[in-house]
Amino acid sequence: MKSLLIVTDAWHPQINGVVRSIERTVDELHRMGVPVEVLSPADFFTVPCPTYSEIRLSLTTPSALRRRILAGGYDHLHIATEGPLGLMAARVARLLGLVYTTSYHTRFPEYLSARVPVPVSWSYAWLRRFHNAGQGCMVATSTLEQDLAARGFVNLMRWSRGVDHQLFRPREGSVLPETLAGPVFMYVGRVSVEKNITAFLDLDLPGTKVVVGDGPQLAELRGRYPQVLFTGSKTGEDLARHYSSADVVVFPSRTDTFGNVLLEALAAGVPVAAYPVMGPLDILQGTGAGVLDEDLGKAAVAALDIPRQRCRELALSYSWEASTRQFLNNCLAAAERVPARGAA
């Protein structure tokens, strides 16, 4: 592969699993000597997304994007998101006859239906056309692959994720106030309605609940749950120390496709409590490093008894190097496929 361009609508200042996954994949590709660049909203004039100003929407034209892609001499495009930039890049790639892959990071139909009354079937029909038009659609787990295949998605390829074992590791002490009553049950991630955080905050649990993250629902939840500690967004070493300060990380989402948070918590030696749904099922089922239950409170309390070393050992089986090699092999395999015409 001579040159690879990753196109994404999700980029800084957003802090989420998509952005982190792309960043780490690009870092690993550079270490492997693979020429790769990222095309993101940082390269264009943008406007804030309605109701979610943290997300920036790129404003450009197909002709401008075509010139940019031709100037780079790329022989493969990977389109990471289904936003305005991703949609336009797919259109240009087809016009130029370039091989391109996509990835399915977000259960967009479920997210959309949580905000506006749009039938999930409509959204999936649109997404199916978008992803089936490329030479491969990368998915993080077997559960997601099975779900999308049943909905008519084709050319599905597995692309798992990794975790930084050095940054996220068990640590002594806590960065949380000493006055907090234990045990500490922590949520980490974007604070928005589709993450189902209220399912965690409404639980009757001993000790203290902590929410680490930022998002459009933060002010509302702070007002509704004054007994909860909201730390705001944390990154890097600060984030890693917050993980290790928890006794259990609670993952209440029912719509994530993977959940990088799960691996980061486990790498810090912290057990996870979650619903038995896509993502948690793929990572935790049968490992003994977390508890999955439709009764999330029961799962959270039971997770307190899990040895931290067991969590760490599971996290060590995931690496960004292995993830990136899987990604690169998918791109190479896609080049060998006959270009798809798309499917309805």
C-alpha atoms as a PDB file:
ATOM      1  CA  MET A   1       0.000   0.000   0.000  1.00  0.00           C
ATOM      2  CA  LYS A   2       1.602   3.235  -1.181  1.00  0.00           C
ATOM      3  CA  SER A   3      -0.520   5.751   0.681  1.00  0.00           C
ATOM      4  CA  LEU A   4      -3.587   5.639   2.918  1.00  0.00           C
ATOM      5  CA  LEU A   5      -6.043   8.406   3.769  1.00  0.00           C
ATOM      6  CA  ILE A   6      -8.360   8.076   6.777  1.00  0.00           C
ATOM      7  CA  VAL A   7     -11.412  10.333   6.513  1.00  0.00           C
ATOM      8  CA  THR A   8     -13.311  11.090   9.713  1.00  0.00           C
ATOM      9  CA  ASP A   9     -16.007  13.512  10.857  1.00  0.00           C
ATOM     10  CA  ALA A  10     -15.103  12.712  14.484  1.00  0.00           C
ATOM     11  CA  TRP A  11     -12.005  14.584  15.577  1.00  0.00           C
ATOM     12  CA  HIS A  12     -10.694  16.995  18.188  1.00  0.00           C
ATOM     13  CA  PRO A  13     -11.973  18.604  20.331  1.00  0.00           C
ATOM     14  CA  GLN A  14     -14.216  15.541  20.656  1.00  0.00           C
ATOM     15  CA  ILE A  15     -13.077  12.970  23.191  1.00  0.00           C
ATOM     16  CA  ASN A  16     -14.561   9.598  22.373  1.00  0.00           C
ATOM     17  CA  GLY A  17     -13.734   6.065  21.323  1.00  0.00           C
ATOM     18  CA  VAL A  18     -13.758   6.848  17.602  1.00  0.00           C
ATOM     19  CA  VAL A  19     -11.210   9.639  17.918  1.00  0.00           C
ATOM     20  CA  ARG A  20      -8.961   7.626  20.235  1.00  0.00           C
ATOM     21  CA  SER A  21      -9.126   4.566  17.979  1.00  0.00           C
ATOM     22  CA  ILE A  22      -8.138   6.562  14.893  1.00  0.00           C
ATOM     23  CA  GLU A  23      -5.320   8.342  16.722  1.00  0.00           C
ATOM     24  CA  ARG A  24      -3.800   5.116  18.019  1.00  0.00           C
ATOM     25  CA  THR A  25      -4.210   3.366  14.664  1.00  0.00           C
ATOM     26  CA  VAL A  26      -2.429   6.220  12.879  1.00  0.00           C
ATOM     27  CA  ASP A  27       0.408   6.127  15.442  1.00  0.00           C
ATOM     28  CA  GLU A  28       0.859   2.381  14.931  1.00  0.00           C
ATOM     29  CA  LEU A  29       0.717   2.681  11.133  1.00  0.00           C
ATOM     30  CA  HIS A  30       3.496   5.261  11.275  1.00  0.00           C
ATOM     31  CA  ARG A  31       5.576   2.882  13.413  1.00  0.00           C
ATOM     32  CA  MET A  32       5.011   0.189  10.786  1.00  0.00           C
ATOM     33  CA  GLY A  33       6.215   2.536   8.065  1.00  0.00           C
ATOM     34  CA  VAL A  34       2.827   2.857   6.364  1.00  0.00           C
ATOM     35  CA  PRO A  35       2.230   6.333   4.850  1.00  0.00           C
ATOM     36  CA  VAL A  36      -1.060   7.565   6.305  1.00  0.00           C
ATOM     37  CA  GLU A  37      -2.804  10.915   6.686  1.00  0.00           C
ATOM     38  CA  VAL A  38      -6.038  11.976   8.365  1.00  0.00           C
ATOM     39  CA  LEU A  39      -8.651  14.204   6.745  1.00  0.00           C
ATOM     40  CA  SER A  40     -10.914  15.673   9.406  1.00  0.00           C
ATOM     41  CA  PRO A  41     -13.005  18.757  10.237  1.00  0.00           C
ATOM     42  CA  ALA A  42      -9.723  20.392  11.313  1.00  0.00           C
ATOM     43  CA  ASP A  43      -8.951  20.769   7.584  1.00  0.00           C
ATOM     44  CA  PHE A  44     -12.115  22.712   6.713  1.00  0.00           C
ATOM     45  CA  PHE A  45     -14.390  25.516   7.774  1.00  0.00           C
ATOM     46  CA  THR A  46     -16.936  24.001  10.151  1.00  0.00           C
ATOM     47  CA  VAL A  47     -20.204  24.765  11.887  1.00  0.00           C
ATOM     48  CA  PRO A  48     -21.443  23.265  15.168  1.00  0.00           C
ATOM     49  CA  CYS A  49     -23.835  20.350  14.980  1.00  0.00           C
ATOM     50  CA  PRO A  50     -27.335  21.370  16.139  1.00  0.00           C
ATOM     51  CA  THR A  51     -27.990  20.248  19.760  1.00  0.00           C
ATOM     52  CA  TYR A  52     -24.372  18.990  20.078  1.00  0.00           C
ATOM     53  CA  SER A  53     -21.951  21.896  19.568  1.00  0.00           C
ATOM     54  CA  GLU A  54     -18.888  19.783  20.432  1.00  0.00           C
ATOM     55  CA  ILE A  55     -19.333  18.034  17.085  1.00  0.00           C
ATOM     56  CA  ARG A  56     -18.156  20.140  14.145  1.00  0.00           C
ATOM     57  CA  LEU A  57     -19.640  19.644  10.661  1.00  0.00           C
ATOM     58  CA  SER A  58     -17.274  20.225   7.728  1.00  0.00           C
ATOM     59  CA  LEU A  59     -18.277  22.550   4.904  1.00  0.00           C
ATOM     60  CA  THR A  60     -16.613  21.763   1.588  1.00  0.00           C
ATOM     61  CA  THR A  61     -17.468  20.702  -1.966  1.00  0.00           C
ATOM     62  CA  PRO A  62     -16.934  17.471  -3.924  1.00  0.00           C
ATOM     63  CA  SER A  63     -14.589  19.246  -6.322  1.00  0.00           C
ATOM     64  CA  ALA A  64     -12.414  20.589  -3.491  1.00  0.00           C
ATOM     65  CA  LEU A  65     -12.299  17.190  -1.852  1.00  0.00           C
ATOM     66  CA  ARG A  66     -11.480  15.548  -5.189  1.00  0.00           C
ATOM     67  CA  ARG A  67      -8.516  17.887  -5.671  1.00  0.00           C
ATOM     68  CA  ARG A  68      -7.299  17.154  -2.154  1.00  0.00           C
ATOM     69  CA  ILE A  69      -7.475  13.379  -2.651  1.00  0.00           C
ATOM     70  CA  LEU A  70      -5.799  13.499  -6.083  1.00  0.00           C
ATOM     71  CA  ALA A  71      -3.015  15.720  -4.738  1.00  0.00           C
ATOM     72  CA  GLY A  72      -2.255  13.169  -2.030  1.00  0.00           C
ATOM     73  CA  GLY A  73      -1.915  10.313  -4.500  1.00  0.00           C
ATOM     74  CA  TYR A  74      -3.694   7.929  -2.139  1.00  0.00           C
ATOM     75  CA  ASP A  75      -4.368   4.395  -3.305  1.00  0.00           C
ATOM     76  CA  HIS A  76      -6.793   3.583  -0.472  1.00  0.00           C
ATOM     77  CA  LEU A  77      -9.355   5.566   1.507  1.00  0.00           C
ATOM     78  CA  HIS A  78     -10.744   4.463   4.829  1.00  0.00           C
ATOM     79  CA  ILE A  79     -13.922   6.323   5.761  1.00  0.00           C
ATOM     80  CA  ALA A  80     -14.411   6.117   9.499  1.00  0.00           C
ATOM     81  CA  THR A  81     -17.708   7.966   9.897  1.00  0.00           C
ATOM     82  CA  GLU A  82     -21.007   8.499   8.114  1.00  0.00           C
ATOM     83  CA  GLY A  83     -21.042  12.284   8.551  1.00  0.00           C
ATOM     84  CA  PRO A  84     -20.921  15.009   5.868  1.00  0.00           C
ATOM     85  CA  LEU A  85     -17.198  14.543   5.230  1.00  0.00           C
ATOM     86  CA  GLY A  86     -17.423  10.759   5.109  1.00  0.00           C
ATOM     87  CA  LEU A  87     -20.398  10.811   2.752  1.00  0.00           C
ATOM     88  CA  MET A  88     -18.674  13.197   0.363  1.00  0.00           C
ATOM     89  CA  ALA A  89     -15.420  11.222   0.477  1.00  0.00           C
ATOM     90  CA  ALA A  90     -17.256   8.021  -0.453  1.00  0.00           C
ATOM     91  CA  ARG A  91     -18.895   9.783  -3.384  1.00  0.00           C
ATOM     92  CA  VAL A  92     -15.562  11.135  -4.632  1.00  0.00           C
ATOM     93  CA  ALA A  93     -13.871   7.742  -4.204  1.00  0.00           C
ATOM     94  CA  ARG A  94     -16.514   6.094  -6.362  1.00  0.00           C
ATOM     95  CA  LEU A  95     -16.169   8.784  -9.040  1.00  0.00           C
ATOM     96  CA  LEU A  96     -12.391   8.322  -9.080  1.00  0.00           C
ATOM     97  CA  GLY A  97     -12.590   4.529  -8.984  1.00  0.00           C
ATOM     98  CA  LEU A  98     -10.587   4.359  -5.735  1.00  0.00           C
ATOM     99  CA  VAL A  99     -10.773   1.392  -3.392  1.00  0.00           C
ATOM    100  CA  TYR A 100     -12.253   2.392  -0.060  1.00  0.00           C
ATOM    101  CA  THR A 101     -13.352   0.772   3.170  1.00  0.00           C
ATOM    102  CA  THR A 102     -15.631   2.049   5.897  1.00  0.00           C
ATOM    103  CA  SER A 103     -16.034   1.285   9.584  1.00  0.00           C
ATOM    104  CA  TYR A 104     -19.140   1.002  11.723  1.00  0.00           C
ATOM    105  CA  HIS A 105     -18.282   2.605  15.066  1.00  0.00           C
ATOM    106  CA  THR A 106     -21.627   3.921  16.238  1.00  0.00           C
ATOM    107  CA  ARG A 107     -25.124   2.477  16.368  1.00  0.00           C
ATOM    108  CA  PHE A 108     -26.386   5.648  14.777  1.00  0.00           C
ATOM    109  CA  PRO A 109     -30.015   4.470  14.297  1.00  0.00           C
ATOM    110  CA  GLU A 110     -30.398   3.821  18.017  1.00  0.00           C
ATOM    111  CA  TYR A 111     -28.658   7.103  18.912  1.00  0.00           C
ATOM    112  CA  LEU A 112     -30.896   9.056  16.552  1.00  0.00           C
ATOM    113  CA  SER A 113     -34.083   7.436  17.822  1.00  0.00           C
ATOM    114  CA  ALA A 114     -33.099   8.409  21.370  1.00  0.00           C
ATOM    115  CA  ARG A 115     -33.199  12.061  20.290  1.00  0.00           C
ATOM    116  CA  VAL A 116     -35.830  12.323  17.554  1.00  0.00           C
ATOM    117  CA  PRO A 117     -38.729  10.071  16.454  1.00  0.00           C
ATOM    118  CA  VAL A 118     -37.049   8.537  13.383  1.00  0.00           C
ATOM    119  CA  PRO A 119     -37.786   4.831  12.769  1.00  0.00           C
ATOM    120  CA  VAL A 120     -34.672   2.699  13.291  1.00  0.00           C
ATOM    121  CA  SER A 121     -35.429   0.804  10.056  1.00  0.00           C
ATOM    122  CA  TRP A 122     -35.125   3.999   7.988  1.00  0.00           C
ATOM    123  CA  SER A 123     -31.694   4.776   9.398  1.00  0.00           C
ATOM    124  CA  TYR A 124     -30.436   1.236   8.857  1.00  0.00           C
ATOM    125  CA  ALA A 125     -31.602   1.290   5.213  1.00  0.00           C
ATOM    126  CA  TRP A 126     -29.574   4.445   4.604  1.00  0.00           C
ATOM    127  CA  LEU A 127     -26.503   3.121   6.455  1.00  0.00           C
ATOM    128  CA  ARG A 128     -26.707  -0.179   4.577  1.00  0.00           C
ATOM    129  CA  ARG A 129     -26.508   1.625   1.230  1.00  0.00           C
ATOM    130  CA  PHE A 130     -23.558   3.701   2.425  1.00  0.00           C
ATOM    131  CA  HIS A 131     -21.451   0.847   3.823  1.00  0.00           C
ATOM    132  CA  ASN A 132     -22.313  -1.723   1.151  1.00  0.00           C
ATOM    133  CA  ALA A 133     -21.049   0.616  -1.590  1.00  0.00           C
ATOM    134  CA  GLY A 134     -17.441   0.215  -0.416  1.00  0.00           C
ATOM    135  CA  GLN A 135     -15.104  -2.775  -0.619  1.00  0.00           C
ATOM    136  CA  GLY A 136     -15.367  -3.595   3.077  1.00  0.00           C
ATOM    137  CA  CYS A 137     -17.020  -2.473   6.304  1.00  0.00           C
ATOM    138  CA  MET A 138     -14.958  -2.949   9.467  1.00  0.00           C
ATOM    139  CA  VAL A 139     -16.713  -3.903  12.710  1.00  0.00           C
ATOM    140  CA  ALA A 140     -15.265  -4.342  16.191  1.00  0.00           C
ATOM    141  CA  THR A 141     -17.009  -7.489  17.434  1.00  0.00           C
ATOM    142  CA  SER A 142     -18.660 -10.709  16.356  1.00  0.00           C
ATOM    143  CA  THR A 143     -21.957  -9.608  17.899  1.00  0.00           C
ATOM    144  CA  LEU A 144     -22.016  -6.460  15.764  1.00  0.00           C
ATOM    145  CA  GLU A 145     -21.006  -8.440  12.690  1.00  0.00           C
ATOM    146  CA  GLN A 146     -23.905 -10.847  13.185  1.00  0.00           C
ATOM    147  CA  ASP A 147     -26.341  -8.002  13.815  1.00  0.00           C
ATOM    148  CA  LEU A 148     -25.373  -6.088  10.669  1.00  0.00           C
ATOM    149  CA  ALA A 149     -25.236  -9.210   8.507  1.00  0.00           C
ATOM    150  CA  ALA A 150     -28.809  -9.983   9.528  1.00  0.00           C
ATOM    151  CA  ARG A 151     -29.754  -6.459   8.378  1.00  0.00           C
ATOM    152  CA  GLY A 152     -28.261  -6.989   4.912  1.00  0.00           C
ATOM    153  CA  PHE A 153     -24.789  -5.484   5.344  1.00  0.00           C
ATOM    154  CA  VAL A 154     -22.096  -7.200   3.251  1.00  0.00           C
ATOM    155  CA  ASN A 155     -18.284  -7.413   3.042  1.00  0.00           C
ATOM    156  CA  LEU A 156     -17.983  -7.211   6.844  1.00  0.00           C
ATOM    157  CA  MET A 157     -14.457  -7.353   8.273  1.00  0.00           C
ATOM    158  CA  ARG A 158     -13.350  -7.670  11.883  1.00  0.00           C
ATOM    159  CA  TRP A 159     -11.335  -4.836  13.398  1.00  0.00           C
ATOM    160  CA  SER A 160     -10.941  -5.098  17.155  1.00  0.00           C
ATOM    161  CA  ARG A 161      -9.446  -2.452  19.440  1.00  0.00           C
ATOM    162  CA  GLY A 162      -6.496  -2.123  21.785  1.00  0.00           C
ATOM    163  CA  VAL A 163      -5.529  -0.372  24.986  1.00  0.00           C
ATOM    164  CA  ASP A 164      -2.421   1.444  26.241  1.00  0.00           C
ATOM    165  CA  HIS A 165      -1.187  -0.940  28.944  1.00  0.00           C
ATOM    166  CA  GLN A 166       1.455   1.479  30.172  1.00  0.00           C
ATOM    167  CA  LEU A 167      -0.871   4.454  30.665  1.00  0.00           C
ATOM    168  CA  PHE A 168      -3.823   2.487  31.992  1.00  0.00           C
ATOM    169  CA  ARG A 169      -2.443   0.323  34.791  1.00  0.00           C
ATOM    170  CA  PRO A 170      -3.136  -0.416  38.460  1.00  0.00           C
ATOM    171  CA  ARG A 171      -1.901   2.405  40.692  1.00  0.00           C
ATOM    172  CA  GLU A 172      -1.676   3.057  44.384  1.00  0.00           C
ATOM    173  CA  GLY A 173      -3.812   5.718  46.045  1.00  0.00           C
ATOM    174  CA  SER A 174      -6.694   7.789  44.763  1.00  0.00           C
ATOM    175  CA  VAL A 175      -7.131  11.184  43.107  1.00  0.00           C
ATOM    176  CA  LEU A 176     -10.670  11.484  44.443  1.00  0.00           C
ATOM    177  CA  PRO A 177     -11.503  13.480  47.592  1.00  0.00           C
ATOM    178  CA  GLU A 178     -10.635  11.582  50.781  1.00  0.00           C
ATOM    179  CA  THR A 179     -14.054  12.408  52.177  1.00  0.00           C
ATOM    180  CA  LEU A 180     -15.840  10.219  49.620  1.00  0.00           C
ATOM    181  CA  ALA A 181     -17.484   7.171  51.095  1.00  0.00           C
ATOM    182  CA  GLY A 182     -16.487   3.874  49.534  1.00  0.00           C
ATOM    183  CA  PRO A 183     -16.898   1.825  47.538  1.00  0.00           C
ATOM    184  CA  VAL A 184     -16.582   4.054  44.459  1.00  0.00           C
ATOM    185  CA  PHE A 185     -18.728   3.182  41.436  1.00  0.00           C
ATOM    186  CA  MET A 186     -17.616   5.154  38.392  1.00  0.00           C
ATOM    187  CA  TYR A 187     -18.967   5.961  34.939  1.00  0.00           C
ATOM    188  CA  VAL A 188     -16.438   7.148  32.339  1.00  0.00           C
ATOM    189  CA  GLY A 189     -17.413   8.510  28.949  1.00  0.00           C
ATOM    190  CA  ARG A 190     -19.489  11.031  27.062  1.00  0.00           C
ATOM    191  CA  VAL A 191     -22.316  12.507  29.130  1.00  0.00           C
ATOM    192  CA  SER A 192     -25.211  12.284  26.700  1.00  0.00           C
ATOM    193  CA  VAL A 193     -28.653  10.723  26.595  1.00  0.00           C
ATOM    194  CA  GLU A 194     -27.750   7.736  24.402  1.00  0.00           C
ATOM    195  CA  LYS A 195     -25.236   6.549  27.015  1.00  0.00           C
ATOM    196  CA  ASN A 196     -28.104   5.737  29.408  1.00  0.00           C
ATOM    197  CA  ILE A 197     -26.258   7.243  32.375  1.00  0.00           C
ATOM    198  CA  THR A 198     -29.417   7.728  34.427  1.00  0.00           C
ATOM    199  CA  ALA A 199     -29.727   3.930  34.616  1.00  0.00           C
ATOM    200  CA  PHE A 200     -26.509   4.057  36.651  1.00  0.00           C
ATOM    201  CA  LEU A 201     -27.291   7.188  38.651  1.00  0.00           C
ATOM    202  CA  ASP A 202     -30.702   5.843  39.715  1.00  0.00           C
ATOM    203  CA  LEU A 203     -29.199   2.675  41.235  1.00  0.00           C
ATOM    204  CA  ASP A 204     -29.370   2.159  44.985  1.00  0.00           C
ATOM    205  CA  LEU A 205     -25.708   1.435  45.667  1.00  0.00           C
ATOM    206  CA  PRO A 206     -23.493   1.725  48.732  1.00  0.00           C
ATOM    207  CA  GLY A 207     -20.686   4.265  48.746  1.00  0.00           C
ATOM    208  CA  THR A 208     -20.333   6.975  46.093  1.00  0.00           C
ATOM    209  CA  LYS A 209     -21.127   7.367  42.411  1.00  0.00           C
ATOM    210  CA  VAL A 210     -18.641   9.283  40.230  1.00  0.00           C
ATOM    211  CA  VAL A 211     -19.122  10.465  36.640  1.00  0.00           C
ATOM    212  CA  VAL A 212     -15.995  11.257  34.607  1.00  0.00           C
ATOM    213  CA  GLY A 213     -16.666  12.997  31.303  1.00  0.00           C
ATOM    214  CA  ASP A 214     -18.334  15.879  29.546  1.00  0.00           C
ATOM    215  CA  GLY A 215     -21.225  16.243  27.132  1.00  0.00           C
ATOM    216  CA  PRO A 216     -24.572  17.874  26.427  1.00  0.00           C
ATOM    217  CA  GLN A 217     -26.343  16.210  29.366  1.00  0.00           C
ATOM    218  CA  LEU A 218     -23.798  17.210  32.019  1.00  0.00           C
ATOM    219  CA  ALA A 219     -25.535  20.336  33.360  1.00  0.00           C
ATOM    220  CA  GLU A 220     -28.890  18.564  33.553  1.00  0.00           C
ATOM    221  CA  LEU A 221     -27.510  15.558  35.429  1.00  0.00           C
ATOM    222  CA  ARG A 222     -25.515  17.725  37.824  1.00  0.00           C
ATOM    223  CA  GLY A 223     -28.745  19.454  38.796  1.00  0.00           C
ATOM    224  CA  ARG A 224     -30.744  16.230  39.137  1.00  0.00           C
ATOM    225  CA  TYR A 225     -28.125  14.256  41.080  1.00  0.00           C
ATOM    226  CA  PRO A 226     -26.380  16.581  43.581  1.00  0.00           C
ATOM    227  CA  GLN A 227     -25.074  13.602  45.574  1.00  0.00           C
ATOM    228  CA  VAL A 228     -23.003  12.387  42.610  1.00  0.00           C
ATOM    229  CA  LEU A 229     -19.445  13.617  42.002  1.00  0.00           C
ATOM    230  CA  PHE A 230     -19.113  14.948  38.440  1.00  0.00           C
ATOM    231  CA  THR A 231     -15.436  15.507  37.628  1.00  0.00           C
ATOM    232  CA  GLY A 232     -15.781  16.778  34.068  1.00  0.00           C
ATOM    233  CA  SER A 233     -13.568  15.569  31.240  1.00  0.00           C
ATOM    234  CA  LYS A 234     -10.233  13.911  32.028  1.00  0.00           C
ATOM    235  CA  THR A 235      -7.460  12.849  29.663  1.00  0.00           C
ATOM    236  CA  GLY A 236      -4.093  11.132  29.735  1.00  0.00           C
ATOM    237  CA  GLU A 237      -2.476  10.515  33.109  1.00  0.00           C
ATOM    238  CA  ASP A 238      -5.324  12.254  34.933  1.00  0.00           C
ATOM    239  CA  LEU A 239      -7.894   9.957  33.326  1.00  0.00           C
ATOM    240  CA  ALA A 240      -5.796   6.883  34.077  1.00  0.00           C
ATOM    241  CA  ARG A 241      -5.552   7.832  37.747  1.00  0.00           C
ATOM    242  CA  HIS A 242      -9.310   8.334  37.942  1.00  0.00           C
ATOM    243  CA  TYR A 243      -9.869   4.833  36.602  1.00  0.00           C
ATOM    244  CA  SER A 244      -7.563   3.328  39.197  1.00  0.00           C
ATOM    245  CA  SER A 245      -9.390   5.268  41.933  1.00  0.00           C
ATOM    246  CA  ALA A 246     -12.607   3.352  41.260  1.00  0.00           C
ATOM    247  CA  ASP A 247     -13.699   0.071  42.794  1.00  0.00           C
ATOM    248  CA  VAL A 248     -16.029  -0.730  39.904  1.00  0.00           C
ATOM    249  CA  VAL A 249     -16.587   0.932  36.526  1.00  0.00           C
ATOM    250  CA  VAL A 250     -20.268   0.803  35.572  1.00  0.00           C
ATOM    251  CA  PHE A 251     -21.056   0.785  31.848  1.00  0.00           C
ATOM    252  CA  PRO A 252     -24.794   1.468  31.429  1.00  0.00           C
ATOM    253  CA  SER A 253     -24.868   1.939  27.649  1.00  0.00           C
ATOM    254  CA  ARG A 254     -27.013  -0.385  25.563  1.00  0.00           C
ATOM    255  CA  THR A 255     -26.006   1.096  22.200  1.00  0.00           C
ATOM    256  CA  ASP A 256     -22.193   1.070  22.035  1.00  0.00           C
ATOM    257  CA  THR A 257     -20.611  -1.224  19.463  1.00  0.00           C
ATOM    258  CA  PHE A 258     -17.505  -1.928  21.558  1.00  0.00           C
ATOM    259  CA  GLY A 259     -16.642   0.335  24.470  1.00  0.00           C
ATOM    260  CA  ASN A 260     -12.968   1.377  24.728  1.00  0.00           C
ATOM    261  CA  VAL A 261     -13.813   2.368  28.285  1.00  0.00           C
ATOM    262  CA  LEU A 262     -14.141  -1.307  29.155  1.00  0.00           C
ATOM    263  CA  LEU A 263     -10.563  -2.072  28.135  1.00  0.00           C
ATOM    264  CA  GLU A 264      -9.179   1.035  29.850  1.00  0.00           C
ATOM    265  CA  ALA A 265     -10.895   0.110  33.109  1.00  0.00           C
ATOM    266  CA  LEU A 266      -9.705  -3.486  32.919  1.00  0.00           C
ATOM    267  CA  ALA A 267      -6.134  -2.406  32.151  1.00  0.00           C
ATOM    268  CA  ALA A 268      -6.266  -0.275  35.319  1.00  0.00           C
ATOM    269  CA  GLY A 269      -7.280  -3.417  37.198  1.00  0.00           C
ATOM    270  CA  VAL A 270     -10.873  -2.279  37.736  1.00  0.00           C
ATOM    271  CA  PRO A 271     -13.769  -4.729  37.233  1.00  0.00           C
ATOM    272  CA  VAL A 272     -16.730  -3.727  35.080  1.00  0.00           C
ATOM    273  CA  ALA A 273     -20.486  -4.020  35.570  1.00  0.00           C
ATOM    274  CA  ALA A 274     -22.662  -3.794  32.466  1.00  0.00           C
ATOM    275  CA  TYR A 275     -25.786  -5.003  30.751  1.00  0.00           C
ATOM    276  CA  PRO A 276     -25.436  -8.224  28.721  1.00  0.00           C
ATOM    277  CA  VAL A 277     -25.450  -6.390  25.383  1.00  0.00           C
ATOM    278  CA  MET A 278     -23.181  -5.848  22.375  1.00  0.00           C
ATOM    279  CA  GLY A 279     -19.710  -4.774  23.446  1.00  0.00           C
ATOM    280  CA  PRO A 280     -19.740  -5.971  27.068  1.00  0.00           C
ATOM    281  CA  LEU A 281     -20.822  -9.435  25.916  1.00  0.00           C
ATOM    282  CA  ASP A 282     -17.966  -9.626  23.410  1.00  0.00           C
ATOM    283  CA  ILE A 283     -15.297  -8.449  25.849  1.00  0.00           C
ATOM    284  CA  LEU A 284     -16.431  -9.755  29.236  1.00  0.00           C
ATOM    285  CA  GLN A 285     -18.590 -12.835  28.830  1.00  0.00           C
ATOM    286  CA  GLY A 286     -16.962 -15.867  30.402  1.00  0.00           C
ATOM    287  CA  THR A 287     -13.804 -14.013  31.475  1.00  0.00           C
ATOM    288  CA  GLY A 288     -14.555 -13.450  35.154  1.00  0.00           C
ATOM    289  CA  ALA A 289     -13.310  -9.860  34.799  1.00  0.00           C
ATOM    290  CA  GLY A 290     -16.765  -8.292  34.951  1.00  0.00           C
ATOM    291  CA  VAL A 291     -20.400  -8.981  35.720  1.00  0.00           C
ATOM    292  CA  LEU A 292     -23.170  -8.784  33.136  1.00  0.00           C
ATOM    293  CA  ASP A 293     -26.762  -8.634  34.331  1.00  0.00           C
ATOM    294  CA  GLU A 294     -30.039  -6.976  33.370  1.00  0.00           C
ATOM    295  CA  ASP A 295     -30.098  -5.925  37.031  1.00  0.00           C
ATOM    296  CA  LEU A 296     -27.261  -3.397  36.763  1.00  0.00           C
ATOM    297  CA  GLY A 297     -27.198  -2.727  40.504  1.00  0.00           C
ATOM    298  CA  LYS A 298     -26.763  -6.427  41.232  1.00  0.00           C
ATOM    299  CA  ALA A 299     -23.940  -6.574  38.688  1.00  0.00           C
ATOM    300  CA  ALA A 300     -22.194  -3.543  40.222  1.00  0.00           C
ATOM    301  CA  VAL A 301     -22.212  -4.993  43.750  1.00  0.00           C
ATOM    302  CA  ALA A 302     -21.107  -8.437  42.569  1.00  0.00           C
ATOM    303  CA  ALA A 303     -18.192  -6.905  40.632  1.00  0.00           C
ATOM    304  CA  LEU A 304     -16.674  -5.695  43.912  1.00  0.00           C
ATOM    305  CA  ASP A 305     -15.480  -9.256  44.580  1.00  0.00           C
ATOM    306  CA  ILE A 306     -13.486  -9.612  41.335  1.00  0.00           C
ATOM    307  CA  PRO A 307      -9.682  -9.729  41.779  1.00  0.00           C
ATOM    308  CA  ARG A 308      -7.963  -6.807  40.065  1.00  0.00           C
ATOM    309  CA  GLN A 309      -5.252  -9.006  38.581  1.00  0.00           C
ATOM    310  CA  ARG A 310      -7.877 -10.937  36.635  1.00  0.00           C
ATOM    311  CA  CYS A 311      -9.033  -7.686  35.007  1.00  0.00           C
ATOM    312  CA  ARG A 312      -5.493  -6.678  34.129  1.00  0.00           C
ATOM    313  CA  GLU A 313      -4.743 -10.065  32.552  1.00  0.00           C
ATOM    314  CA  LEU A 314      -7.738  -9.792  30.233  1.00  0.00           C
ATOM    315  CA  ALA A 315      -6.725  -6.274  29.118  1.00  0.00           C
ATOM    316  CA  LEU A 316      -3.221  -7.498  28.273  1.00  0.00           C
ATOM    317  CA  SER A 317      -4.704  -9.700  25.539  1.00  0.00           C
ATOM    318  CA  TYR A 318      -5.699  -6.545  23.611  1.00  0.00           C
ATOM    319  CA  SER A 319      -3.039  -4.359  21.961  1.00  0.00           C
ATOM    320  CA  TRP A 320      -3.060  -1.480  19.503  1.00  0.00           C
ATOM    321  CA  GLU A 321      -0.358  -3.185  17.456  1.00  0.00           C
ATOM    322  CA  ALA A 322      -2.552  -6.255  16.871  1.00  0.00           C
ATOM    323  CA  SER A 323      -5.556  -4.023  16.195  1.00  0.00           C
ATOM    324  CA  THR A 324      -3.653  -1.991  13.606  1.00  0.00           C
ATOM    325  CA  ARG A 325      -2.300  -5.063  11.818  1.00  0.00           C
ATOM    326  CA  GLN A 326      -5.882  -6.291  11.559  1.00  0.00           C
ATOM    327  CA  PHE A 327      -6.929  -2.911  10.137  1.00  0.00           C
ATOM    328  CA  LEU A 328      -4.096  -2.908   7.587  1.00  0.00           C
ATOM    329  CA  ASN A 329      -4.814  -6.480   6.482  1.00  0.00           C
ATOM    330  CA  ASN A 330      -8.447  -5.489   5.927  1.00  0.00           C
ATOM    331  CA  CYS A 331      -7.371  -2.610   3.685  1.00  0.00           C
ATOM    332  CA  LEU A 332      -5.108  -4.903   1.667  1.00  0.00           C
ATOM    333  CA  ALA A 333      -7.847  -7.538   1.353  1.00  0.00           C
ATOM    334  CA  ALA A 334     -10.343  -4.910   0.189  1.00  0.00           C
ATOM    335  CA  ALA A 335      -8.053  -4.005  -2.714  1.00  0.00           C
ATOM    336  CA  GLU A 336      -8.400  -7.560  -4.016  1.00  0.00           C
ATOM    337  CA  ARG A 337     -12.185  -7.410  -4.121  1.00  0.00           C
ATOM    338  CA  VAL A 338     -14.235  -6.547  -7.152  1.00  0.00           C
ATOM    339  CA  PRO A 339     -15.692  -3.049  -6.510  1.00  0.00           C
ATOM    340  CA  ALA A 340     -19.208  -3.351  -5.100  1.00  0.00           C
ATOM    341  CA  ARG A 341     -22.123  -1.612  -6.789  1.00  0.00           C
ATOM    342  CA  GLY A 342     -23.889  -1.123  -3.465  1.00  0.00           C
ATOM    343  CA  ALA A 343     -27.021  -2.673  -2.096  1.00  0.00           C
ATOM    344  CA  ALA A 344     -30.359  -1.425  -0.883  1.00  0.00           C
END
